[in-house]
Amino acid sequence: MTVPAHAPPRVLTVAGSDSGGGAGLQADLKTLLAFGVHGMSVVTAVTAQNSRGVRGIWELPVDAVRAQYRAVVEDIGVQAVKTGMLSSAEIVAAVADLLAGTAAPVVVDPVGLSKHGDPLLAASALDAVRTRLLPAATVATPNLDEVAQLTGVQVTDEAGMRRGADAVLALGPRWALIKGGHLPGGGDAVDLLTDGGEEHWLRAPRHDNRHTHGTGCTLASAIAAGLARGQDVVAATVAAKEYVTGAIAHGFPLGAGIGPVDHAWRLR
């Protein structure tokens, strides 16, 4: 057996655990593997959830979050970090402090609600996300509900996505990817990537498949994988959009509710 001369690029996900395996750090690690990078994890919270919804959430102590992060970064190192469910203001602040000392691009998925509408971020944590976490982001990837939650801007059409992006960028990330999958209508699934100067509209066919659990986690992790491999933000996001579109098209039923996207669709 040939032993690789060098380790693959390394990406650290800081997120909650989804016991059903469709979203959270489980989706992150599957995505990172699909992109050929080495995934590592900091568990922020444990959820009991399945295809129907979230039954319970248990946050880890802030000291445990810090210890996991430092154990990985100080010994193994990272080429990119992705954040997902951070749950509380204390965890958000601690992660923001850790990111400030890490010389790697950061993808922030400001998770507020689960696919089923269950809250995954305390209302008291919103200010910390705005003032501490988003300024640390290379790319922030809110969906339309998260744009409204963070900025108060209600986006109902493509023109409104520009206003949403401006409001998100005002909170400090270098780039904003506004995900338009929740826009009404049956046209393309459109996302807007912008740094306030450049503007890239990413379009893909909207697939008639309700099994879309984990799309946000998957997209953000795919972007982080591209950044870890040396791509710029635009190239990484274009590749991530293509990957998640295929994963949605191949999403499959599990249980009695919403099934996951297929992270291994390129292998089937």
C-alpha atoms as a PDB file:
ATOM      1  CA  MET A   1       0.000   0.000   0.000  1.00  0.00           C
ATOM      2  CA  THR A   2       1.303   3.425  -0.952  1.00  0.00           C
ATOM      3  CA  VAL A   3       1.444   5.880   1.924  1.00  0.00           C
ATOM      4  CA  PRO A   4       0.564   9.474   0.934  1.00  0.00           C
ATOM      5  CA  ALA A   5       3.531  11.812   1.238  1.00  0.00           C
ATOM      6  CA  HIS A   6       1.362  14.656   2.556  1.00  0.00           C
ATOM      7  CA  ALA A   7      -1.823  14.921   4.575  1.00  0.00           C
ATOM      8  CA  PRO A   8      -4.871  16.271   2.722  1.00  0.00           C
ATOM      9  CA  PRO A   9      -6.154  19.762   3.481  1.00  0.00           C
ATOM     10  CA  ARG A  10      -7.847  19.960   6.883  1.00  0.00           C
ATOM     11  CA  VAL A  11     -11.197  21.567   7.703  1.00  0.00           C
ATOM     12  CA  LEU A  12     -12.618  21.987  11.197  1.00  0.00           C
ATOM     13  CA  THR A  13     -16.393  22.105  11.657  1.00  0.00           C
ATOM     14  CA  VAL A  14     -17.755  23.701  14.818  1.00  0.00           C
ATOM     15  CA  ALA A  15     -21.356  22.546  14.981  1.00  0.00           C
ATOM     16  CA  GLY A  16     -24.061  20.531  16.672  1.00  0.00           C
ATOM     17  CA  SER A  17     -24.590  16.797  16.336  1.00  0.00           C
ATOM     18  CA  ASP A  18     -27.630  15.541  14.402  1.00  0.00           C
ATOM     19  CA  SER A  19     -28.486  12.042  15.623  1.00  0.00           C
ATOM     20  CA  GLY A  20     -30.359  11.358  12.381  1.00  0.00           C
ATOM     21  CA  GLY A  21     -27.214  12.014  10.332  1.00  0.00           C
ATOM     22  CA  GLY A  22     -28.780  14.410   7.830  1.00  0.00           C
ATOM     23  CA  ALA A  23     -27.471  17.760   9.031  1.00  0.00           C
ATOM     24  CA  GLY A  24     -25.050  19.171  11.583  1.00  0.00           C
ATOM     25  CA  LEU A  25     -21.526  17.940  11.926  1.00  0.00           C
ATOM     26  CA  GLN A  26     -22.490  14.576  10.419  1.00  0.00           C
ATOM     27  CA  ALA A  27     -23.450  16.299   7.155  1.00  0.00           C
ATOM     28  CA  ASP A  28     -20.331  18.450   7.380  1.00  0.00           C
ATOM     29  CA  LEU A  29     -17.972  15.494   7.688  1.00  0.00           C
ATOM     30  CA  LYS A  30     -19.648  13.615   4.824  1.00  0.00           C
ATOM     31  CA  THR A  31     -19.332  16.681   2.609  1.00  0.00           C
ATOM     32  CA  LEU A  32     -15.697  17.219   3.499  1.00  0.00           C
ATOM     33  CA  LEU A  33     -14.908  13.610   2.645  1.00  0.00           C
ATOM     34  CA  ALA A  34     -16.694  13.993  -0.697  1.00  0.00           C
ATOM     35  CA  PHE A  35     -14.355  16.907  -1.476  1.00  0.00           C
ATOM     36  CA  GLY A  36     -11.218  14.976  -0.534  1.00  0.00           C
ATOM     37  CA  VAL A  37     -10.316  16.946   2.575  1.00  0.00           C
ATOM     38  CA  HIS A  38      -9.811  15.741   6.140  1.00  0.00           C
ATOM     39  CA  GLY A  39     -12.715  16.755   8.354  1.00  0.00           C
ATOM     40  CA  MET A  40     -12.390  17.401  12.099  1.00  0.00           C
ATOM     41  CA  SER A  41     -15.071  18.460  14.545  1.00  0.00           C
ATOM     42  CA  VAL A  42     -15.870  20.531  17.597  1.00  0.00           C
ATOM     43  CA  VAL A  43     -19.205  19.446  19.061  1.00  0.00           C
ATOM     44  CA  THR A  44     -21.164  22.410  20.443  1.00  0.00           C
ATOM     45  CA  ALA A  45     -24.422  20.654  21.263  1.00  0.00           C
ATOM     46  CA  VAL A  46     -26.049  17.247  21.024  1.00  0.00           C
ATOM     47  CA  THR A  47     -29.508  17.033  19.513  1.00  0.00           C
ATOM     48  CA  ALA A  48     -31.994  14.207  19.527  1.00  0.00           C
ATOM     49  CA  GLN A  49     -33.611  14.504  16.121  1.00  0.00           C
ATOM     50  CA  ASN A  50     -34.955  12.452  13.257  1.00  0.00           C
ATOM     51  CA  SER A  51     -36.775  13.052   9.985  1.00  0.00           C
ATOM     52  CA  ARG A  52     -39.721  14.628  11.830  1.00  0.00           C
ATOM     53  CA  GLY A  53     -37.960  17.184  13.991  1.00  0.00           C
ATOM     54  CA  VAL A  54     -35.823  17.957  17.021  1.00  0.00           C
ATOM     55  CA  ARG A  55     -36.818  16.272  20.275  1.00  0.00           C
ATOM     56  CA  GLY A  56     -34.160  17.742  22.529  1.00  0.00           C
ATOM     57  CA  ILE A  57     -30.972  19.821  22.663  1.00  0.00           C
ATOM     58  CA  TRP A  58     -28.125  19.595  25.180  1.00  0.00           C
ATOM     59  CA  GLU A  59     -25.376  22.199  24.967  1.00  0.00           C
ATOM     60  CA  LEU A  60     -21.821  21.254  25.823  1.00  0.00           C
ATOM     61  CA  PRO A  61     -19.997  23.347  28.425  1.00  0.00           C
ATOM     62  CA  VAL A  62     -18.090  26.268  26.931  1.00  0.00           C
ATOM     63  CA  ASP A  63     -14.848  24.870  28.344  1.00  0.00           C
ATOM     64  CA  ALA A  64     -15.439  21.644  26.410  1.00  0.00           C
ATOM     65  CA  VAL A  65     -15.930  23.598  23.190  1.00  0.00           C
ATOM     66  CA  ARG A  66     -12.711  25.544  23.763  1.00  0.00           C
ATOM     67  CA  ALA A  67     -10.750  22.402  24.627  1.00  0.00           C
ATOM     68  CA  GLN A  68     -11.860  20.548  21.485  1.00  0.00           C
ATOM     69  CA  TYR A  69     -10.973  23.504  19.265  1.00  0.00           C
ATOM     70  CA  ARG A  70      -7.556  24.073  20.793  1.00  0.00           C
ATOM     71  CA  ALA A  71      -6.697  20.377  20.750  1.00  0.00           C
ATOM     72  CA  VAL A  72      -7.208  20.272  17.000  1.00  0.00           C
ATOM     73  CA  VAL A  73      -5.745  23.624  15.989  1.00  0.00           C
ATOM     74  CA  GLU A  74      -2.656  23.507  18.193  1.00  0.00           C
ATOM     75  CA  ASP A  75      -1.564  20.047  17.052  1.00  0.00           C
ATOM     76  CA  ILE A  76      -3.121  19.220  13.671  1.00  0.00           C
ATOM     77  CA  GLY A  77      -3.772  22.671  12.239  1.00  0.00           C
ATOM     78  CA  VAL A  78      -6.514  23.796   9.887  1.00  0.00           C
ATOM     79  CA  GLN A  79      -6.794  25.255   6.386  1.00  0.00           C
ATOM     80  CA  ALA A  80     -10.419  26.361   6.910  1.00  0.00           C
ATOM     81  CA  VAL A  81     -13.059  26.489   9.643  1.00  0.00           C
ATOM     82  CA  LYS A  82     -16.820  26.157   9.239  1.00  0.00           C
ATOM     83  CA  THR A  83     -19.305  27.073  11.949  1.00  0.00           C
ATOM     84  CA  GLY A  84     -22.876  25.842  12.216  1.00  0.00           C
ATOM     85  CA  MET A  85     -25.155  25.468  15.234  1.00  0.00           C
ATOM     86  CA  LEU A  86     -23.631  27.371  18.156  1.00  0.00           C
ATOM     87  CA  SER A  87     -26.756  27.405  20.335  1.00  0.00           C
ATOM     88  CA  SER A  88     -25.930  30.023  23.005  1.00  0.00           C
ATOM     89  CA  ALA A  89     -24.426  33.491  23.369  1.00  0.00           C
ATOM     90  CA  GLU A  90     -21.628  32.060  25.520  1.00  0.00           C
ATOM     91  CA  ILE A  91     -20.624  29.512  22.875  1.00  0.00           C
ATOM     92  CA  VAL A  92     -20.856  32.115  20.090  1.00  0.00           C
ATOM     93  CA  ALA A  93     -18.534  34.465  22.001  1.00  0.00           C
ATOM     94  CA  ALA A  94     -16.068  31.702  22.819  1.00  0.00           C
ATOM     95  CA  VAL A  95     -15.930  30.501  19.199  1.00  0.00           C
ATOM     96  CA  ALA A  96     -15.480  34.063  17.946  1.00  0.00           C
ATOM     97  CA  ASP A  97     -12.500  34.480  20.273  1.00  0.00           C
ATOM     98  CA  LEU A  98     -10.993  31.220  19.013  1.00  0.00           C
ATOM     99  CA  LEU A  99     -11.485  32.209  15.385  1.00  0.00           C
ATOM    100  CA  ALA A 100      -9.729  35.512  16.008  1.00  0.00           C
ATOM    101  CA  GLY A 101      -6.565  33.571  16.822  1.00  0.00           C
ATOM    102  CA  THR A 102      -6.780  31.218  13.834  1.00  0.00           C
ATOM    103  CA  ALA A 103      -5.094  32.134  10.558  1.00  0.00           C
ATOM    104  CA  ALA A 104      -7.528  30.357   8.241  1.00  0.00           C
ATOM    105  CA  PRO A 105     -10.621  31.317   6.212  1.00  0.00           C
ATOM    106  CA  VAL A 106     -13.914  30.947   8.059  1.00  0.00           C
ATOM    107  CA  VAL A 107     -17.318  30.021   6.650  1.00  0.00           C
ATOM    108  CA  VAL A 108     -20.146  31.010   8.999  1.00  0.00           C
ATOM    109  CA  ASP A 109     -23.493  29.316   8.532  1.00  0.00           C
ATOM    110  CA  PRO A 110     -25.591  31.344  11.027  1.00  0.00           C
ATOM    111  CA  VAL A 111     -27.954  28.501  11.877  1.00  0.00           C
ATOM    112  CA  GLY A 112     -31.122  29.733  13.545  1.00  0.00           C
ATOM    113  CA  LEU A 113     -33.751  27.078  12.815  1.00  0.00           C
ATOM    114  CA  SER A 114     -33.779  23.425  11.836  1.00  0.00           C
ATOM    115  CA  LYS A 115     -35.356  22.271   8.573  1.00  0.00           C
ATOM    116  CA  HIS A 116     -38.508  21.591  10.590  1.00  0.00           C
ATOM    117  CA  GLY A 117     -38.606  25.051  12.162  1.00  0.00           C
ATOM    118  CA  ASP A 118     -37.157  24.072  15.551  1.00  0.00           C
ATOM    119  CA  PRO A 119     -35.010  26.826  17.160  1.00  0.00           C
ATOM    120  CA  LEU A 120     -31.286  25.997  17.240  1.00  0.00           C
ATOM    121  CA  LEU A 121     -30.005  29.374  18.435  1.00  0.00           C
ATOM    122  CA  ALA A 122     -31.132  31.177  21.579  1.00  0.00           C
ATOM    123  CA  ALA A 123     -32.656  34.596  20.975  1.00  0.00           C
ATOM    124  CA  SER A 124     -30.130  35.984  23.442  1.00  0.00           C
ATOM    125  CA  ALA A 125     -27.316  34.841  21.130  1.00  0.00           C
ATOM    126  CA  LEU A 126     -28.357  36.901  18.110  1.00  0.00           C
ATOM    127  CA  ASP A 127     -26.437  39.999  19.187  1.00  0.00           C
ATOM    128  CA  ALA A 128     -23.260  37.952  19.680  1.00  0.00           C
ATOM    129  CA  VAL A 129     -23.658  36.492  16.187  1.00  0.00           C
ATOM    130  CA  ARG A 130     -24.050  39.992  14.748  1.00  0.00           C
ATOM    131  CA  THR A 131     -21.234  41.677  16.654  1.00  0.00           C
ATOM    132  CA  ARG A 132     -18.739  38.875  17.334  1.00  0.00           C
ATOM    133  CA  LEU A 133     -19.157  36.003  14.870  1.00  0.00           C
ATOM    134  CA  LEU A 134     -20.040  37.578  11.527  1.00  0.00           C
ATOM    135  CA  PRO A 135     -17.077  39.997  11.613  1.00  0.00           C
ATOM    136  CA  ALA A 136     -14.804  36.930  11.747  1.00  0.00           C
ATOM    137  CA  ALA A 137     -16.342  35.384   8.614  1.00  0.00           C
ATOM    138  CA  THR A 138     -14.679  35.115   5.252  1.00  0.00           C
ATOM    139  CA  VAL A 139     -18.079  34.026   3.921  1.00  0.00           C
ATOM    140  CA  ALA A 140     -21.455  34.121   5.686  1.00  0.00           C
ATOM    141  CA  THR A 141     -24.158  31.860   4.229  1.00  0.00           C
ATOM    142  CA  PRO A 142     -27.588  32.842   5.631  1.00  0.00           C
ATOM    143  CA  ASN A 143     -30.853  31.666   4.158  1.00  0.00           C
ATOM    144  CA  LEU A 144     -33.713  34.143   3.866  1.00  0.00           C
ATOM    145  CA  ASP A 145     -35.124  33.370   7.312  1.00  0.00           C
ATOM    146  CA  GLU A 146     -31.681  33.941   8.837  1.00  0.00           C
ATOM    147  CA  VAL A 147     -31.280  37.214   6.929  1.00  0.00           C
ATOM    148  CA  ALA A 148     -34.535  38.414   8.486  1.00  0.00           C
ATOM    149  CA  GLN A 149     -33.555  37.133  11.933  1.00  0.00           C
ATOM    150  CA  LEU A 150     -30.173  38.864  11.862  1.00  0.00           C
ATOM    151  CA  THR A 151     -30.960  42.090  10.005  1.00  0.00           C
ATOM    152  CA  GLY A 152     -34.721  42.579   9.959  1.00  0.00           C
ATOM    153  CA  VAL A 153     -34.708  42.645   6.144  1.00  0.00           C
ATOM    154  CA  GLN A 154     -37.535  40.559   4.690  1.00  0.00           C
ATOM    155  CA  VAL A 155     -36.576  39.164   1.281  1.00  0.00           C
ATOM    156  CA  THR A 156     -39.430  38.074  -0.986  1.00  0.00           C
ATOM    157  CA  ASP A 157     -37.868  38.381  -4.446  1.00  0.00           C
ATOM    158  CA  GLU A 158     -34.519  38.507  -6.212  1.00  0.00           C
ATOM    159  CA  ALA A 159     -34.307  42.293  -5.983  1.00  0.00           C
ATOM    160  CA  GLY A 160     -34.650  41.977  -2.227  1.00  0.00           C
ATOM    161  CA  MET A 161     -31.656  39.664  -2.095  1.00  0.00           C
ATOM    162  CA  ARG A 162     -29.394  42.648  -2.805  1.00  0.00           C
ATOM    163  CA  ARG A 163     -30.852  44.514   0.174  1.00  0.00           C
ATOM    164  CA  GLY A 164     -30.393  41.426   2.324  1.00  0.00           C
ATOM    165  CA  ALA A 165     -26.795  41.039   1.205  1.00  0.00           C
ATOM    166  CA  ASP A 166     -26.013  44.694   1.971  1.00  0.00           C
ATOM    167  CA  ALA A 167     -27.497  44.313   5.448  1.00  0.00           C
ATOM    168  CA  VAL A 168     -25.489  41.158   6.143  1.00  0.00           C
ATOM    169  CA  LEU A 169     -22.264  42.693   4.821  1.00  0.00           C
ATOM    170  CA  ALA A 170     -22.801  45.662   7.130  1.00  0.00           C
ATOM    171  CA  LEU A 171     -22.323  43.228  10.024  1.00  0.00           C
ATOM    172  CA  GLY A 172     -18.748  42.513   8.964  1.00  0.00           C
ATOM    173  CA  PRO A 173     -18.216  39.380   6.822  1.00  0.00           C
ATOM    174  CA  ARG A 174     -15.987  39.793   3.767  1.00  0.00           C
ATOM    175  CA  TRP A 175     -18.494  37.983   1.537  1.00  0.00           C
ATOM    176  CA  ALA A 176     -22.198  37.194   1.887  1.00  0.00           C
ATOM    177  CA  LEU A 177     -23.911  34.289   0.159  1.00  0.00           C
ATOM    178  CA  ILE A 178     -27.654  34.906   0.345  1.00  0.00           C
ATOM    179  CA  LYS A 179     -29.416  31.615  -0.284  1.00  0.00           C
ATOM    180  CA  GLY A 180     -32.648  32.061  -2.212  1.00  0.00           C
ATOM    181  CA  GLY A 181     -33.975  28.527  -1.982  1.00  0.00           C
ATOM    182  CA  HIS A 182     -36.978  29.742   0.040  1.00  0.00           C
ATOM    183  CA  LEU A 183     -38.086  32.288  -2.556  1.00  0.00           C
ATOM    184  CA  PRO A 184     -41.633  31.646  -3.791  1.00  0.00           C
ATOM    185  CA  GLY A 185     -42.146  30.355  -7.289  1.00  0.00           C
ATOM    186  CA  GLY A 186     -41.006  27.355  -9.263  1.00  0.00           C
ATOM    187  CA  GLY A 187     -38.079  28.823 -11.178  1.00  0.00           C
ATOM    188  CA  ASP A 188     -34.398  28.249 -10.608  1.00  0.00           C
ATOM    189  CA  ALA A 189     -32.886  28.053  -7.136  1.00  0.00           C
ATOM    190  CA  VAL A 190     -30.886  31.275  -7.072  1.00  0.00           C
ATOM    191  CA  ASP A 191     -28.214  32.437  -4.622  1.00  0.00           C
ATOM    192  CA  LEU A 192     -26.410  35.775  -4.531  1.00  0.00           C
ATOM    193  CA  LEU A 193     -22.701  35.912  -3.673  1.00  0.00           C
ATOM    194  CA  THR A 194     -21.251  39.382  -3.163  1.00  0.00           C
ATOM    195  CA  ASP A 195     -18.576  41.306  -1.313  1.00  0.00           C
ATOM    196  CA  GLY A 196     -20.356  44.604  -1.923  1.00  0.00           C
ATOM    197  CA  GLY A 197     -18.401  45.182  -5.124  1.00  0.00           C
ATOM    198  CA  GLU A 198     -18.440  41.974  -7.123  1.00  0.00           C
ATOM    199  CA  GLU A 199     -21.825  40.300  -7.578  1.00  0.00           C
ATOM    200  CA  HIS A 200     -22.341  36.699  -8.672  1.00  0.00           C
ATOM    201  CA  TRP A 201     -25.790  35.205  -9.239  1.00  0.00           C
ATOM    202  CA  LEU A 202     -25.652  31.422  -8.951  1.00  0.00           C
ATOM    203  CA  ARG A 203     -28.556  29.591 -10.552  1.00  0.00           C
ATOM    204  CA  ALA A 204     -29.443  25.909 -10.683  1.00  0.00           C
ATOM    205  CA  PRO A 205     -32.565  23.914 -11.506  1.00  0.00           C
ATOM    206  CA  ARG A 206     -35.007  23.686  -8.609  1.00  0.00           C
ATOM    207  CA  HIS A 207     -35.602  19.959  -8.055  1.00  0.00           C
ATOM    208  CA  ASP A 208     -39.017  18.718  -7.011  1.00  0.00           C
ATOM    209  CA  ASN A 209     -37.711  16.743  -4.045  1.00  0.00           C
ATOM    210  CA  ARG A 210     -38.774  17.386  -0.461  1.00  0.00           C
ATOM    211  CA  HIS A 211     -35.830  15.428   0.973  1.00  0.00           C
ATOM    212  CA  THR A 212     -33.555  18.407   1.585  1.00  0.00           C
ATOM    213  CA  HIS A 213     -32.454  17.993   5.201  1.00  0.00           C
ATOM    214  CA  GLY A 214     -28.903  19.300   5.603  1.00  0.00           C
ATOM    215  CA  THR A 215     -28.668  21.573   2.567  1.00  0.00           C
ATOM    216  CA  GLY A 216     -27.318  24.587   4.471  1.00  0.00           C
ATOM    217  CA  CYS A 217     -24.703  22.606   6.380  1.00  0.00           C
ATOM    218  CA  THR A 218     -23.663  20.845   3.195  1.00  0.00           C
ATOM    219  CA  LEU A 219     -23.261  24.020   1.155  1.00  0.00           C
ATOM    220  CA  ALA A 220     -21.219  25.818   3.815  1.00  0.00           C
ATOM    221  CA  SER A 221     -18.957  22.802   4.339  1.00  0.00           C
ATOM    222  CA  ALA A 222     -18.412  22.441   0.602  1.00  0.00           C
ATOM    223  CA  ILE A 223     -17.312  26.090   0.425  1.00  0.00           C
ATOM    224  CA  ALA A 224     -14.927  25.529   3.339  1.00  0.00           C
ATOM    225  CA  ALA A 225     -13.480  22.499   1.543  1.00  0.00           C
ATOM    226  CA  GLY A 226     -12.797  24.579  -1.558  1.00  0.00           C
ATOM    227  CA  LEU A 227     -11.122  27.327   0.459  1.00  0.00           C
ATOM    228  CA  ALA A 228      -8.963  24.736   2.229  1.00  0.00           C
ATOM    229  CA  ARG A 229      -7.882  23.424  -1.169  1.00  0.00           C
ATOM    230  CA  GLY A 230      -6.724  26.897  -2.190  1.00  0.00           C
ATOM    231  CA  GLN A 231      -9.675  28.071  -4.276  1.00  0.00           C
ATOM    232  CA  ASP A 232     -10.862  31.653  -4.045  1.00  0.00           C
ATOM    233  CA  VAL A 233     -14.305  32.411  -2.620  1.00  0.00           C
ATOM    234  CA  VAL A 234     -16.064  32.586  -5.976  1.00  0.00           C
ATOM    235  CA  ALA A 235     -14.628  29.312  -7.314  1.00  0.00           C
ATOM    236  CA  ALA A 236     -15.273  27.508  -4.022  1.00  0.00           C
ATOM    237  CA  THR A 237     -18.872  28.705  -3.916  1.00  0.00           C
ATOM    238  CA  VAL A 238     -19.597  27.803  -7.542  1.00  0.00           C
ATOM    239  CA  ALA A 239     -18.278  24.262  -6.941  1.00  0.00           C
ATOM    240  CA  ALA A 240     -20.258  24.007  -3.695  1.00  0.00           C
ATOM    241  CA  LYS A 241     -23.470  25.089  -5.438  1.00  0.00           C
ATOM    242  CA  GLU A 242     -22.990  22.416  -8.101  1.00  0.00           C
ATOM    243  CA  TYR A 243     -22.388  19.761  -5.449  1.00  0.00           C
ATOM    244  CA  VAL A 244     -25.377  20.637  -3.282  1.00  0.00           C
ATOM    245  CA  THR A 245     -27.656  20.812  -6.326  1.00  0.00           C
ATOM    246  CA  GLY A 246     -26.754  17.218  -7.167  1.00  0.00           C
ATOM    247  CA  ALA A 247     -27.133  16.193  -3.535  1.00  0.00           C
ATOM    248  CA  ILE A 248     -30.650  17.659  -3.460  1.00  0.00           C
ATOM    249  CA  ALA A 249     -31.583  15.954  -6.731  1.00  0.00           C
ATOM    250  CA  HIS A 250     -30.558  12.609  -5.200  1.00  0.00           C
ATOM    251  CA  GLY A 251     -32.070  13.241  -1.750  1.00  0.00           C
ATOM    252  CA  PHE A 252     -33.778  10.137  -0.418  1.00  0.00           C
ATOM    253  CA  PRO A 253     -36.527   9.260   2.070  1.00  0.00           C
ATOM    254  CA  LEU A 254     -35.645   8.236   5.617  1.00  0.00           C
ATOM    255  CA  GLY A 255     -38.247   7.766   8.322  1.00  0.00           C
ATOM    256  CA  ALA A 256     -41.649   9.388   8.016  1.00  0.00           C
ATOM    257  CA  GLY A 257     -40.569  13.005   7.509  1.00  0.00           C
ATOM    258  CA  ILE A 258     -37.978  14.960   5.536  1.00  0.00           C
ATOM    259  CA  GLY A 259     -35.075  12.843   4.328  1.00  0.00           C
ATOM    260  CA  PRO A 260     -31.495  14.002   3.782  1.00  0.00           C
ATOM    261  CA  VAL A 261     -29.634  15.110   0.706  1.00  0.00           C
ATOM    262  CA  ASP A 262     -27.288  12.471  -0.697  1.00  0.00           C
ATOM    263  CA  HIS A 263     -23.706  13.408   0.109  1.00  0.00           C
ATOM    264  CA  ALA A 264     -22.376  10.462  -1.889  1.00  0.00           C
ATOM    265  CA  TRP A 265     -24.342  11.176  -5.072  1.00  0.00           C
ATOM    266  CA  ARG A 266     -21.205  11.468  -7.194  1.00  0.00           C
ATOM    267  CA  LEU A 267     -20.194   7.929  -6.213  1.00  0.00           C
ATOM    268  CA  ARG A 268     -23.464   6.249  -7.141  1.00  0.00           C
END
